[in-house]
C-alpha atoms as a PDB file:
ATOM      1  CA  MET A   1      73.998  84.794 117.541  1.00  0.00           C
ATOM      2  CA  PHE A   2      76.699  86.646 119.445  1.00  0.00           C
ATOM      3  CA  GLN A   3      79.676  84.959 121.028  1.00  0.00           C
ATOM      4  CA  LEU A   4      80.169  86.430 124.559  1.00  0.00           C
ATOM      5  CA  ASP A   5      82.799  85.668 127.159  1.00  0.00           C
ATOM      6  CA  ALA A   6      84.763  87.090 130.115  1.00  0.00           C
ATOM      7  CA  VAL A   7      88.289  86.181 131.295  1.00  0.00           C
ATOM      8  CA  ARG A   8      90.350  87.136 134.351  1.00  0.00           C
ATOM      9  CA  LEU A   9      93.808  88.560 133.915  1.00  0.00           C
ATOM     10  CA  SER A  10      96.390  88.897 136.678  1.00  0.00           C
ATOM     11  CA  LEU A  11      98.457  91.884 135.511  1.00  0.00           C
ATOM     12  CA  PRO A  12     101.819  92.500 137.248  1.00  0.00           C
ATOM     13  CA  LEU A  13     102.807  96.068 137.969  1.00  0.00           C
ATOM     14  CA  LYS A  14     106.156  97.697 137.290  1.00  0.00           C
ATOM     15  CA  ARG A  15     106.274  98.468 141.001  1.00  0.00           C
ATOM     16  CA  LYS A  16     104.002  98.371 143.993  1.00  0.00           C
ATOM     17  CA  PHE A  17     101.147 100.793 143.634  1.00  0.00           C
ATOM     18  CA  ALA A  18      99.939 102.221 146.935  1.00  0.00           C
ATOM     19  CA  VAL A  19      97.357 104.835 148.001  1.00  0.00           C
ATOM     20  CA  SER A  20      96.575 105.923 151.521  1.00  0.00           C
ATOM     21  CA  LYS A  21      94.112 103.045 151.975  1.00  0.00           C
ATOM     22  CA  GLY A  22      95.490 100.162 149.977  1.00  0.00           C
ATOM     23  CA  GLU A  23      98.235  98.735 147.814  1.00  0.00           C
ATOM     24  CA  THR A  24      98.951  96.003 145.236  1.00  0.00           C
ATOM     25  CA  GLU A  25     101.735  94.557 143.116  1.00  0.00           C
ATOM     26  CA  VAL A  26      99.437  92.511 140.837  1.00  0.00           C
ATOM     27  CA  LYS A  27      96.077  93.828 139.592  1.00  0.00           C
ATOM     28  CA  THR A  28      93.396  91.262 138.668  1.00  0.00           C
ATOM     29  CA  ASN A  29      91.048  92.691 136.081  1.00  0.00           C
ATOM     30  CA  LEU A  30      88.454  91.077 133.798  1.00  0.00           C
ATOM     31  CA  LEU A  31      87.999  91.316 130.022  1.00  0.00           C
ATOM     32  CA  THR A  32      84.656  91.156 128.359  1.00  0.00           C
ATOM     33  CA  ILE A  33      84.923  89.768 124.832  1.00  0.00           C
ATOM     34  CA  LEU A  34      82.366  89.874 121.966  1.00  0.00           C
ATOM     35  CA  ASN A  35      82.832  87.720 118.888  1.00  0.00           C
ATOM     36  CA  ASN A  36      86.486  87.087 119.825  1.00  0.00           C
ATOM     37  CA  ARG A  37      87.288  90.696 118.791  1.00  0.00           C
ATOM     38  CA  TYR A  38      85.516  93.512 120.641  1.00  0.00           C
ATOM     39  CA  ILE A  39      86.675  93.984 124.215  1.00  0.00           C
ATOM     40  CA  GLY A  40      86.047  95.875 127.414  1.00  0.00           C
ATOM     41  CA  GLU A  41      87.831  95.881 130.749  1.00  0.00           C
ATOM     42  CA  ALA A  42      86.601  95.832 134.347  1.00  0.00           C
ATOM     43  CA  ALA A  43      89.048  97.146 136.937  1.00  0.00           C
ATOM     44  CA  GLY A  44      88.030  97.492 140.565  1.00  0.00           C
ATOM     45  CA  SER A  45      89.601 100.012 142.929  1.00  0.00           C
ATOM     46  CA  VAL A  46      92.669  98.921 144.876  1.00  0.00           C
ATOM     47  CA  HIS A  47      90.909  99.971 148.068  1.00  0.00           C
ATOM     48  CA  TYR A  48      87.200 100.320 147.503  1.00  0.00           C
ATOM     49  CA  GLY A  49      86.599  97.244 145.332  1.00  0.00           C
ATOM     50  CA  PRO A  50      84.325  95.641 144.322  1.00  0.00           C
ATOM     51  CA  THR A  51      86.009  92.268 144.554  1.00  0.00           C
ATOM     52  CA  VAL A  52      86.907  90.371 141.350  1.00  0.00           C
ATOM     53  CA  GLU A  53      84.336  87.742 142.256  1.00  0.00           C
ATOM     54  CA  GLU A  54      81.574  90.390 142.520  1.00  0.00           C
ATOM     55  CA  ILE A  55      82.554  91.995 139.266  1.00  0.00           C
ATOM     56  CA  GLU A  56      82.658  88.653 137.401  1.00  0.00           C
ATOM     57  CA  ALA A  57      79.257  87.597 138.772  1.00  0.00           C
ATOM     58  CA  ASP A  58      77.750  90.869 137.545  1.00  0.00           C
ATOM     59  CA  ILE A  59      79.465  90.648 134.184  1.00  0.00           C
ATOM     60  CA  ARG A  60      77.938  87.210 133.731  1.00  0.00           C
ATOM     61  CA  ARG A  61      74.510  88.664 134.485  1.00  0.00           C
ATOM     62  CA  GLY A  62      75.107  91.287 131.868  1.00  0.00           C
ATOM     63  CA  LEU A  63      76.264  88.651 129.386  1.00  0.00           C
ATOM     64  CA  GLU A  64      73.067  86.636 130.038  1.00  0.00           C
ATOM     65  CA  PHE A  65      71.005  89.816 129.240  1.00  0.00           C
ATOM     66  CA  LEU A  66      72.919  90.239 125.983  1.00  0.00           C
ATOM     67  CA  LYS A  67      72.257  86.717 124.875  1.00  0.00           C
ATOM     68  CA  ASN A  68      68.654  87.784 124.168  1.00  0.00           C
ATOM     69  CA  ALA A  69      69.685  90.752 122.050  1.00  0.00           C
ATOM     70  CA  LYS A  70      68.800  90.432 118.311  1.00  0.00           C
ATOM     71  CA  GLU A  71      71.131  93.263 117.443  1.00  0.00           C
ATOM     72  CA  ILE A  72      73.583  95.568 119.253  1.00  0.00           C
ATOM     73  CA  ASN A  73      73.031  99.292 118.820  1.00  0.00           C
ATOM     74  CA  LEU A  74      73.053 102.396 120.944  1.00  0.00           C
ATOM     75  CA  ALA A  75      69.657 101.535 122.408  1.00  0.00           C
ATOM     76  CA  VAL A  76      71.091  98.244 123.720  1.00  0.00           C
ATOM     77  CA  ILE A  77      74.134 100.007 125.097  1.00  0.00           C
ATOM     78  CA  GLU A  78      71.796 102.455 126.872  1.00  0.00           C
ATOM     79  CA  GLU A  79      69.907  99.456 128.421  1.00  0.00           C
ATOM     80  CA  VAL A  80      73.150  97.956 129.647  1.00  0.00           C
ATOM     81  CA  SER A  81      74.141 101.316 131.134  1.00  0.00           C
ATOM     82  CA  ARG A  82      71.075 101.029 133.344  1.00  0.00           C
ATOM     83  CA  LEU A  83      71.335  97.410 134.339  1.00  0.00           C
ATOM     84  CA  ASP A  84      71.145  96.707 138.113  1.00  0.00           C
ATOM     85  CA  ILE A  85      74.737  95.513 138.361  1.00  0.00           C
ATOM     86  CA  ASN A  86      77.820  97.184 139.808  1.00  0.00           C
ATOM     87  CA  PRO A  87      79.121 100.034 137.644  1.00  0.00           C
ATOM     88  CA  THR A  88      82.533  98.399 137.133  1.00  0.00           C
ATOM     89  CA  ALA A  89      80.904  95.451 135.409  1.00  0.00           C
ATOM     90  CA  ARG A  90      78.602  97.829 133.430  1.00  0.00           C
ATOM     91  CA  SER A  91      81.574  99.847 132.224  1.00  0.00           C
ATOM     92  CA  ALA A  92      83.325  96.804 130.811  1.00  0.00           C
ATOM     93  CA  LEU A  93      80.187  95.719 129.050  1.00  0.00           C
ATOM     94  CA  VAL A  94      79.454  99.213 127.670  1.00  0.00           C
ATOM     95  CA  GLY A  95      83.017  99.549 126.419  1.00  0.00           C
ATOM     96  CA  MET A  96      82.856  96.199 124.622  1.00  0.00           C
ATOM     97  CA  LEU A  97      79.507  97.075 123.007  1.00  0.00           C
ATOM     98  CA  LEU A  98      80.565 100.512 121.856  1.00  0.00           C
ATOM     99  CA  ASN A  99      83.686  98.970 120.280  1.00  0.00           C
ATOM    100  CA  TYR A 100      81.416  96.520 118.526  1.00  0.00           C
ATOM    101  CA  VAL A 101      79.142  99.261 117.101  1.00  0.00           C
ATOM    102  CA  SER A 102      82.291 101.110 116.005  1.00  0.00           C
ATOM    103  CA  GLY A 103      83.763  98.152 114.269  1.00  0.00           C
ATOM    104  CA  GLU A 104      80.596  97.002 112.527  1.00  0.00           C
ATOM    105  CA  THR A 105      79.706 100.495 111.268  1.00  0.00           C
ATOM    106  CA  ARG A 106      83.291 101.477 110.469  1.00  0.00           C
ATOM    107  CA  ARG A 107      83.030 104.640 112.483  1.00  0.00           C
ATOM    108  CA  TYR A 108      85.327 105.906 115.276  1.00  0.00           C
ATOM    109  CA  PRO A 109      83.889 105.181 118.686  1.00  0.00           C
ATOM    110  CA  TRP A 110      83.560 108.892 119.485  1.00  0.00           C
ATOM    111  CA  GLU A 111      81.769 109.452 116.247  1.00  0.00           C
ATOM    112  CA  VAL A 112      79.207 106.835 117.210  1.00  0.00           C
ATOM    113  CA  LEU A 113      78.405 109.061 120.183  1.00  0.00           C
ATOM    114  CA  SER A 114      78.678 112.355 118.319  1.00  0.00           C
ATOM    115  CA  LEU A 115      81.677 113.425 120.369  1.00  0.00           C
ATOM    116  CA  GLY A 116      84.775 115.359 119.386  1.00  0.00           C
ATOM    117  CA  THR A 117      88.000 113.727 118.185  1.00  0.00           C
ATOM    118  CA  PRO A 118      90.539 112.997 120.960  1.00  0.00           C
ATOM    119  CA  VAL A 119      93.345 115.633 120.589  1.00  0.00           C
ATOM    120  CA  GLY A 120      95.680 117.310 122.955  1.00  0.00           C
ATOM    121  CA  VAL A 121      95.216 114.698 125.711  1.00  0.00           C
ATOM    122  CA  LYS A 122      98.053 115.128 128.325  1.00  0.00           C
ATOM    123  CA  SER A 123      97.942 112.886 131.353  1.00  0.00           C
ATOM    124  CA  SER A 124      99.553 113.112 134.782  1.00  0.00           C
ATOM    125  CA  MET A 125     101.847 110.415 136.048  1.00  0.00           C
ATOM    126  CA  THR A 126     101.185 109.037 139.527  1.00  0.00           C
ATOM    127  CA  ILE A 127     103.702 108.758 142.354  1.00  0.00           C
ATOM    128  CA  SER A 128     102.116 106.431 144.877  1.00  0.00           C
ATOM    129  CA  VAL A 129     102.445 106.442 148.668  1.00  0.00           C
ATOM    130  CA  ASP A 130     105.851 105.194 149.897  1.00  0.00           C
ATOM    131  CA  LYS A 131     108.540 106.226 152.377  1.00  0.00           C
ATOM    132  CA  PRO A 132     109.135 109.963 152.031  1.00  0.00           C
ATOM    133  CA  SER A 133     112.704 109.406 150.816  1.00  0.00           C
ATOM    134  CA  GLU A 134     111.408 107.110 148.007  1.00  0.00           C
ATOM    135  CA  MET A 135     108.681 109.514 146.994  1.00  0.00           C
ATOM    136  CA  ILE A 136     111.122 112.415 146.887  1.00  0.00           C
ATOM    137  CA  ARG A 137     113.531 110.328 144.795  1.00  0.00           C
ATOM    138  CA  ALA A 138     110.705 109.403 142.422  1.00  0.00           C
ATOM    139  CA  LEU A 139     109.684 113.067 142.192  1.00  0.00           C
ATOM    140  CA  LYS A 140     113.206 114.215 141.325  1.00  0.00           C
ATOM    141  CA  THR A 141     113.751 111.522 138.675  1.00  0.00           C
ATOM    142  CA  CYS A 142     110.286 111.569 137.114  1.00  0.00           C
ATOM    143  CA  GLU A 143     110.509 112.518 133.468  1.00  0.00           C
ATOM    144  CA  TYR A 144     106.817 113.447 133.206  1.00  0.00           C
ATOM    145  CA  PRO A 145     105.942 117.141 133.248  1.00  0.00           C
ATOM    146  CA  ILE A 146     102.574 116.603 134.993  1.00  0.00           C
ATOM    147  CA  VAL A 147     102.905 114.656 138.263  1.00  0.00           C
ATOM    148  CA  LYS A 148     100.188 113.545 140.610  1.00  0.00           C
ATOM    149  CA  ILE A 149     101.454 112.798 144.118  1.00  0.00           C
ATOM    150  CA  LYS A 150      99.473 110.508 146.358  1.00  0.00           C
ATOM    151  CA  MET A 151      99.218 111.934 149.898  1.00  0.00           C
ATOM    152  CA  GLY A 152      97.273 111.193 152.989  1.00  0.00           C
ATOM    153  CA  HIS A 153      99.860 109.732 155.371  1.00  0.00           C
ATOM    154  CA  GLU A 154     101.570 111.009 158.507  1.00  0.00           C
ATOM    155  CA  GLU A 155     104.740 112.165 156.685  1.00  0.00           C
ATOM    156  CA  ASP A 156     103.043 114.380 154.046  1.00  0.00           C
ATOM    157  CA  LEU A 157     104.800 117.459 155.338  1.00  0.00           C
ATOM    158  CA  MET A 158     108.194 115.904 154.557  1.00  0.00           C
ATOM    159  CA  ILE A 159     107.246 115.859 150.837  1.00  0.00           C
ATOM    160  CA  LEU A 160     106.547 119.635 150.751  1.00  0.00           C
ATOM    161  CA  ASP A 161     110.173 120.794 150.764  1.00  0.00           C
ATOM    162  CA  ALA A 162     110.936 118.636 147.758  1.00  0.00           C
ATOM    163  CA  LEU A 163     108.340 120.563 145.718  1.00  0.00           C
ATOM    164  CA  ASP A 164     110.530 123.669 145.875  1.00  0.00           C
ATOM    165  CA  GLN A 165     113.361 121.782 144.116  1.00  0.00           C
ATOM    166  CA  LEU A 166     111.279 120.859 141.112  1.00  0.00           C
ATOM    167  CA  GLU A 167     111.365 122.946 137.968  1.00  0.00           C
ATOM    168  CA  GLY A 168     109.136 122.715 134.872  1.00  0.00           C
ATOM    169  CA  LYS A 169     106.610 120.352 136.457  1.00  0.00           C
ATOM    170  CA  GLU A 170     102.895 120.774 137.196  1.00  0.00           C
ATOM    171  CA  ILE A 171     102.152 119.101 140.535  1.00  0.00           C
ATOM    172  CA  ARG A 172      98.772 117.713 141.394  1.00  0.00           C
ATOM    173  CA  ILE A 173      97.817 116.093 144.721  1.00  0.00           C
ATOM    174  CA  ASP A 174      95.468 113.211 145.375  1.00  0.00           C
ATOM    175  CA  VAL A 175      94.605 112.470 149.005  1.00  0.00           C
ATOM    176  CA  ASN A 176      91.886 109.770 148.579  1.00  0.00           C
ATOM    177  CA  GLY A 177      89.907 111.369 151.406  1.00  0.00           C
ATOM    178  CA  SER A 178      92.539 110.740 154.083  1.00  0.00           C
ATOM    179  CA  TRP A 179      93.060 114.229 155.554  1.00  0.00           C
ATOM    180  CA  SER A 180      91.055 115.468 158.521  1.00  0.00           C
ATOM    181  CA  CYS A 181      89.490 118.856 158.029  1.00  0.00           C
ATOM    182  CA  ALA A 182      92.215 120.453 160.173  1.00  0.00           C
ATOM    183  CA  LYS A 183      95.048 118.861 158.238  1.00  0.00           C
ATOM    184  CA  ALA A 184      93.321 119.617 154.886  1.00  0.00           C
ATOM    185  CA  GLU A 185      93.121 123.310 155.745  1.00  0.00           C
ATOM    186  CA  GLU A 186      96.813 123.342 156.726  1.00  0.00           C
ATOM    187  CA  MET A 187      98.035 121.373 153.693  1.00  0.00           C
ATOM    188  CA  ILE A 188      95.932 123.307 151.173  1.00  0.00           C
ATOM    189  CA  SER A 189      97.514 126.450 152.559  1.00  0.00           C
ATOM    190  CA  HIS A 190     101.009 125.112 152.199  1.00  0.00           C
ATOM    191  CA  LEU A 191     100.384 123.545 148.782  1.00  0.00           C
ATOM    192  CA  SER A 192      98.813 126.670 147.341  1.00  0.00           C
ATOM    193  CA  ARG A 193     101.918 128.751 148.240  1.00  0.00           C
ATOM    194  CA  LYS A 194     104.023 126.158 146.321  1.00  0.00           C
ATOM    195  CA  GLY A 195     101.947 126.578 143.197  1.00  0.00           C
ATOM    196  CA  VAL A 196      99.721 123.483 143.412  1.00  0.00           C
ATOM    197  CA  ARG A 197      96.378 124.177 141.885  1.00  0.00           C
ATOM    198  CA  ILE A 198      94.581 120.777 141.737  1.00  0.00           C
ATOM    199  CA  ILE A 199      93.867 118.685 144.833  1.00  0.00           C
ATOM    200  CA  GLU A 200      91.656 115.610 144.702  1.00  0.00           C
ATOM    201  CA  GLN A 201      89.479 114.476 147.496  1.00  0.00           C
ATOM    202  CA  PRO A 202      91.152 116.199 150.474  1.00  0.00           C
ATOM    203  CA  THR A 203      88.746 114.705 153.047  1.00  0.00           C
ATOM    204  CA  GLU A 204      86.207 111.961 153.288  1.00  0.00           C
ATOM    205  CA  ILE A 205      82.850 112.584 151.584  1.00  0.00           C
ATOM    206  CA  GLU A 206      81.083 113.424 154.809  1.00  0.00           C
ATOM    207  CA  PHE A 207      83.046 116.642 155.024  1.00  0.00           C
ATOM    208  CA  VAL A 208      82.666 117.824 151.433  1.00  0.00           C
ATOM    209  CA  GLN A 209      80.398 120.687 152.579  1.00  0.00           C
ATOM    210  CA  GLU A 210      83.424 122.129 154.370  1.00  0.00           C
ATOM    211  CA  TRP A 211      85.711 122.260 151.328  1.00  0.00           C
ATOM    212  CA  ARG A 212      84.945 125.880 150.439  1.00  0.00           C
ATOM    213  CA  HIS A 213      85.896 126.855 153.984  1.00  0.00           C
ATOM    214  CA  LEU A 214      89.068 124.728 153.934  1.00  0.00           C
ATOM    215  CA  LYS A 215      90.332 126.537 150.864  1.00  0.00           C
ATOM    216  CA  GLY A 216      90.151 129.818 152.620  1.00  0.00           C
ATOM    217  CA  LYS A 217      91.760 132.481 150.496  1.00  0.00           C
ATOM    218  CA  SER A 218      93.398 129.920 148.181  1.00  0.00           C
ATOM    219  CA  THR A 219      90.958 130.688 145.412  1.00  0.00           C
ATOM    220  CA  GLU A 220      93.230 129.397 142.648  1.00  0.00           C
ATOM    221  CA  VAL A 221      93.231 125.892 144.134  1.00  0.00           C
ATOM    222  CA  GLU A 222      90.613 123.564 142.648  1.00  0.00           C
ATOM    223  CA  LEU A 223      89.202 120.826 144.893  1.00  0.00           C
ATOM    224  CA  ILE A 224      88.127 117.911 142.747  1.00  0.00           C
ATOM    225  CA  MET A 225      85.706 115.274 143.988  1.00  0.00           C
ATOM    226  CA  ASP A 226      86.471 111.661 143.256  1.00  0.00           C
ATOM    227  CA  GLU A 227      85.392 109.221 145.913  1.00  0.00           C
ATOM    228  CA  GLY A 228      81.688 109.251 146.466  1.00  0.00           C
ATOM    229  CA  LEU A 229      80.818 110.900 143.151  1.00  0.00           C
ATOM    230  CA  ASN A 230      79.567 108.259 140.773  1.00  0.00           C
ATOM    231  CA  THR A 231      76.272 109.475 139.334  1.00  0.00           C
ATOM    232  CA  LEU A 232      74.401 112.612 138.375  1.00  0.00           C
ATOM    233  CA  LYS A 233      72.456 112.298 141.597  1.00  0.00           C
ATOM    234  CA  ASP A 234      75.698 112.375 143.561  1.00  0.00           C
ATOM    235  CA  TYR A 235      76.869 115.366 141.587  1.00  0.00           C
ATOM    236  CA  GLU A 236      73.725 117.311 142.251  1.00  0.00           C
ATOM    237  CA  LYS A 237      74.057 116.611 145.994  1.00  0.00           C
ATOM    238  CA  TYR A 238      77.619 117.981 146.218  1.00  0.00           C
ATOM    239  CA  ALA A 239      78.024 120.369 143.328  1.00  0.00           C
ATOM    240  CA  GLU A 240      77.845 123.597 145.317  1.00  0.00           C
ATOM    241  CA  HIS A 241      80.777 122.562 147.489  1.00  0.00           C
ATOM    242  CA  ILE A 242      83.278 121.446 144.811  1.00  0.00           C
ATOM    243  CA  ASP A 243      85.298 122.924 141.958  1.00  0.00           C
ATOM    244  CA  GLY A 244      85.286 119.862 139.720  1.00  0.00           C
ATOM    245  CA  VAL A 245      84.701 116.134 139.252  1.00  0.00           C
ATOM    246  CA  ASN A 246      86.949 113.177 138.529  1.00  0.00           C
ATOM    247  CA  ILE A 247      84.978 110.867 136.262  1.00  0.00           C
ATOM    248  CA  LYS A 248      86.041 107.243 136.032  1.00  0.00           C
ATOM    249  CA  MET A 249      84.254 104.808 133.781  1.00  0.00           C
ATOM    250  CA  GLU A 250      84.286 102.182 136.552  1.00  0.00           C
ATOM    251  CA  LYS A 251      82.373 104.485 138.896  1.00  0.00           C
ATOM    252  CA  SER A 252      79.890 105.903 136.453  1.00  0.00           C
ATOM    253  CA  GLY A 253      79.107 102.660 134.713  1.00  0.00           C
ATOM    254  CA  GLY A 254      80.626 103.488 131.326  1.00  0.00           C
ATOM    255  CA  ILE A 255      80.841 106.268 128.805  1.00  0.00           C
ATOM    256  CA  LEU A 256      77.160 107.154 128.347  1.00  0.00           C
ATOM    257  CA  ASN A 257      76.751 107.963 132.028  1.00  0.00           C
ATOM    258  CA  GLY A 258      80.165 109.544 132.115  1.00  0.00           C
ATOM    259  CA  VAL A 259      79.307 111.935 129.277  1.00  0.00           C
ATOM    260  CA  ARG A 260      76.078 112.972 130.968  1.00  0.00           C
ATOM    261  CA  LEU A 261      77.947 113.722 134.165  1.00  0.00           C
ATOM    262  CA  ALA A 262      80.687 115.698 132.371  1.00  0.00           C
ATOM    263  CA  GLN A 263      78.200 117.764 130.372  1.00  0.00           C
ATOM    264  CA  LYS A 264      76.230 118.654 133.479  1.00  0.00           C
ATOM    265  CA  ALA A 265      79.429 119.629 135.291  1.00  0.00           C
ATOM    266  CA  ARG A 266      80.582 121.822 132.384  1.00  0.00           C
ATOM    267  CA  GLU A 267      77.146 123.514 132.257  1.00  0.00           C
ATOM    268  CA  ASP A 268      77.732 124.462 135.899  1.00  0.00           C
ATOM    269  CA  ASP A 269      81.225 125.810 135.072  1.00  0.00           C
ATOM    270  CA  LYS A 270      82.975 122.978 137.001  1.00  0.00           C
ATOM    271  CA  LYS A 271      86.257 121.402 135.918  1.00  0.00           C
ATOM    272  CA  VAL A 272      86.164 117.834 134.543  1.00  0.00           C
ATOM    273  CA  MET A 273      88.970 115.390 135.118  1.00  0.00           C
ATOM    274  CA  LEU A 274      88.939 111.908 133.525  1.00  0.00           C
ATOM    275  CA  GLY A 275      90.617 109.334 135.716  1.00  0.00           C
ATOM    276  CA  CYS A 276      91.299 105.636 135.766  1.00  0.00           C
ATOM    277  CA  MET A 277      91.956 102.619 137.891  1.00  0.00           C
ATOM    278  CA  VAL A 278      95.062 100.452 137.538  1.00  0.00           C
ATOM    279  CA  GLU A 279      94.050  99.118 134.127  1.00  0.00           C
ATOM    280  CA  SER A 280      95.230  98.599 130.568  1.00  0.00           C
ATOM    281  CA  SER A 281      94.593 100.683 127.505  1.00  0.00           C
ATOM    282  CA  VAL A 282      91.469  98.664 126.956  1.00  0.00           C
ATOM    283  CA  GLY A 283      90.022 100.181 130.130  1.00  0.00           C
ATOM    284  CA  ILE A 284      91.012 103.766 129.456  1.00  0.00           C
ATOM    285  CA  ALA A 285      89.781 103.753 125.921  1.00  0.00           C
ATOM    286  CA  GLN A 286      86.265 104.938 126.857  1.00  0.00           C
ATOM    287  CA  SER A 287      87.820 107.940 128.674  1.00  0.00           C
ATOM    288  CA  LEU A 288      89.803 108.795 125.550  1.00  0.00           C
ATOM    289  CA  TYR A 289      86.700 108.507 123.399  1.00  0.00           C
ATOM    290  CA  MET A 290      85.045 111.301 125.568  1.00  0.00           C
ATOM    291  CA  SER A 291      88.189 113.331 126.087  1.00  0.00           C
ATOM    292  CA  SER A 292      86.675 116.319 124.286  1.00  0.00           C
ATOM    293  CA  GLN A 293      84.474 116.744 127.383  1.00  0.00           C
ATOM    294  CA  ALA A 294      87.338 117.159 129.835  1.00  0.00           C
ATOM    295  CA  ASP A 295      89.840 119.681 131.156  1.00  0.00           C
ATOM    296  CA  TYR A 296      92.318 117.384 132.931  1.00  0.00           C
ATOM    297  CA  PHE A 297      93.429 113.780 132.433  1.00  0.00           C
ATOM    298  CA  ASP A 298      94.811 111.195 134.836  1.00  0.00           C
ATOM    299  CA  LEU A 299      94.989 108.192 132.515  1.00  0.00           C
ATOM    300  CA  ASP A 300      98.330 106.629 133.402  1.00  0.00           C
ATOM    301  CA  GLY A 301      96.924 103.191 134.318  1.00  0.00           C
ATOM    302  CA  PRO A 302      98.635 101.311 131.420  1.00  0.00           C
ATOM    303  CA  LEU A 303     101.953 102.920 132.322  1.00  0.00           C
ATOM    304  CA  LEU A 304     101.785 101.311 135.792  1.00  0.00           C
ATOM    305  CA  LEU A 305     101.563  97.773 134.275  1.00  0.00           C
ATOM    306  CA  LYS A 306     104.589  95.693 133.386  1.00  0.00           C
ATOM    307  CA  ASP A 307     102.878  95.070 129.984  1.00  0.00           C
ATOM    308  CA  ASP A 308     100.005  96.722 128.299  1.00  0.00           C
ATOM    309  CA  ILE A 309      97.724  94.055 126.776  1.00  0.00           C
ATOM    310  CA  ALA A 310      96.438  95.880 123.626  1.00  0.00           C
ATOM    311  CA  HIS A 311      97.392  97.939 120.635  1.00  0.00           C
ATOM    312  CA  GLY A 312      95.560 101.171 119.596  1.00  0.00           C
ATOM    313  CA  ILE A 313      96.591 103.768 122.173  1.00  0.00           C
ATOM    314  CA  ARG A 314     100.059 105.298 122.229  1.00  0.00           C
ATOM    315  CA  TYR A 315     101.860 107.189 125.062  1.00  0.00           C
ATOM    316  CA  ASP A 316     104.610 109.660 124.400  1.00  0.00           C
ATOM    317  CA  ARG A 317     105.403 110.706 127.967  1.00  0.00           C
ATOM    318  CA  GLU A 318     102.379 112.790 129.053  1.00  0.00           C
ATOM    319  CA  SER A 319     100.722 112.814 125.542  1.00  0.00           C
ATOM    320  CA  ILE A 320      98.198 110.157 124.640  1.00  0.00           C
ATOM    321  CA  GLU A 321      97.096 109.457 121.108  1.00  0.00           C
ATOM    322  CA  VAL A 322      94.760 107.039 119.496  1.00  0.00           C
ATOM    323  CA  ASP A 323      95.748 105.114 116.385  1.00  0.00           C
ATOM    324  CA  ARG A 324      93.932 105.782 113.147  1.00  0.00           C
ATOM    325  CA  GLU A 325      93.000 102.107 113.277  1.00  0.00           C
ATOM    326  CA  ILE A 326      91.168 102.431 116.610  1.00  0.00           C
ATOM    327  CA  ILE A 327      87.838 101.700 114.875  1.00  0.00           C
ATOM    328  CA  GLY A 328      86.473  98.737 116.772  1.00  0.00           C
ATOM    329  CA  GLY A 329      88.517  99.587 119.816  1.00  0.00           C
ATOM    330  CA  PRO A 330      91.946  98.410 121.042  1.00  0.00           C
ATOM    331  CA  LYS A 331      93.168  95.127 119.622  1.00  0.00           C
ATOM    332  CA  LEU A 332      94.541  92.559 122.092  1.00  0.00           C
ATOM    333  CA  LYS A 333      98.103  91.473 122.086  1.00  0.00           C
ATOM    334  CA  ARG A 334      97.192  87.725 122.217  1.00  0.00           C
ATOM    335  CA  ASP A 335     100.643  86.499 123.274  1.00  0.00           C
ATOM    336  CA  VAL A 336     100.624  88.955 126.277  1.00  0.00           C
ATOM    337  CA  VAL A 337      97.055  88.171 127.324  1.00  0.00           C
ATOM    338  CA  GLU A 338      97.745  84.431 127.314  1.00  0.00           C
ATOM    339  CA  LYS A 339     100.556  84.936 129.827  1.00  0.00           C
ATOM    340  CA  TYR A 340      98.299  86.626 132.348  1.00  0.00           C
ATOM    341  CA  ILE A 341      95.010  84.652 132.141  1.00  0.00           C
ATOM    342  CA  SER A 342      94.092  83.437 135.578  1.00  0.00           C
ATOM    343  CA  GLU A 343      91.345  81.112 136.873  1.00  0.00           C
END
């Protein structure tokens, strides 16, 4: 008999996190827990959801499904990956189950899935939407060499001049679909001349077929699709118009589906970025397990939190490493978790 549970955590952020379409100062996520040891995390989008209530309801459905399991193995994880529940809930359940198989078989989680060892993972650090003066100050004082700037507001042009003053930094841009086609064409032209090579979701999904045109002669710029790309079916619909994909566990429904999407994109010579929501190291663990399948990483979620809630993943500025003791997945900091449990 397996002991299964889920708890809500209200996690305070170091500072307000804002994108073009939403903001928060406290992120409410859910933990899935198996046998009081193996954990997964569900983190909805700040803007797109789903709501905490929707996630929890679907997690409970998944836990009911698991109560009938006689054992937990890759076949069961595959079944959970296909459950008719929202992908954020599926991701938390899949992460928990993979950590269980890892711990019970004494193999690293990536070895369970026959993936490469996580090495050389270097993440961007996000500067969220704010007043231009605050964003420029954050840019100038940021100690991270890879910086992702959230754009998609009326004062985007005011940020451009600040880029000329930065030295030794790789700048990436994330628009969350907020530019019109006309503004996207203008901004891509400006940004390419300033050395920017990676731009995420310049327009809403309905205009993805225009992206090749919007790039014009800026052939070195890579337009990465995030919003609206969740499954292999989505990828196949949009692949010809994009340069790469941003895979998030919460969108794909966990690592099994994420790996399939990454492998298909790589077969098509597309770039693969692994991204995250505002979440702890529990949530980003699955992305690290499949890091051998990616080119770029945007896994700064735990750095946005006032406190990370688990041991097992270490940040040294942009570099991310997993502990040798990561077998069984991250281990909760019980005293920290108890502070943030919410009803």
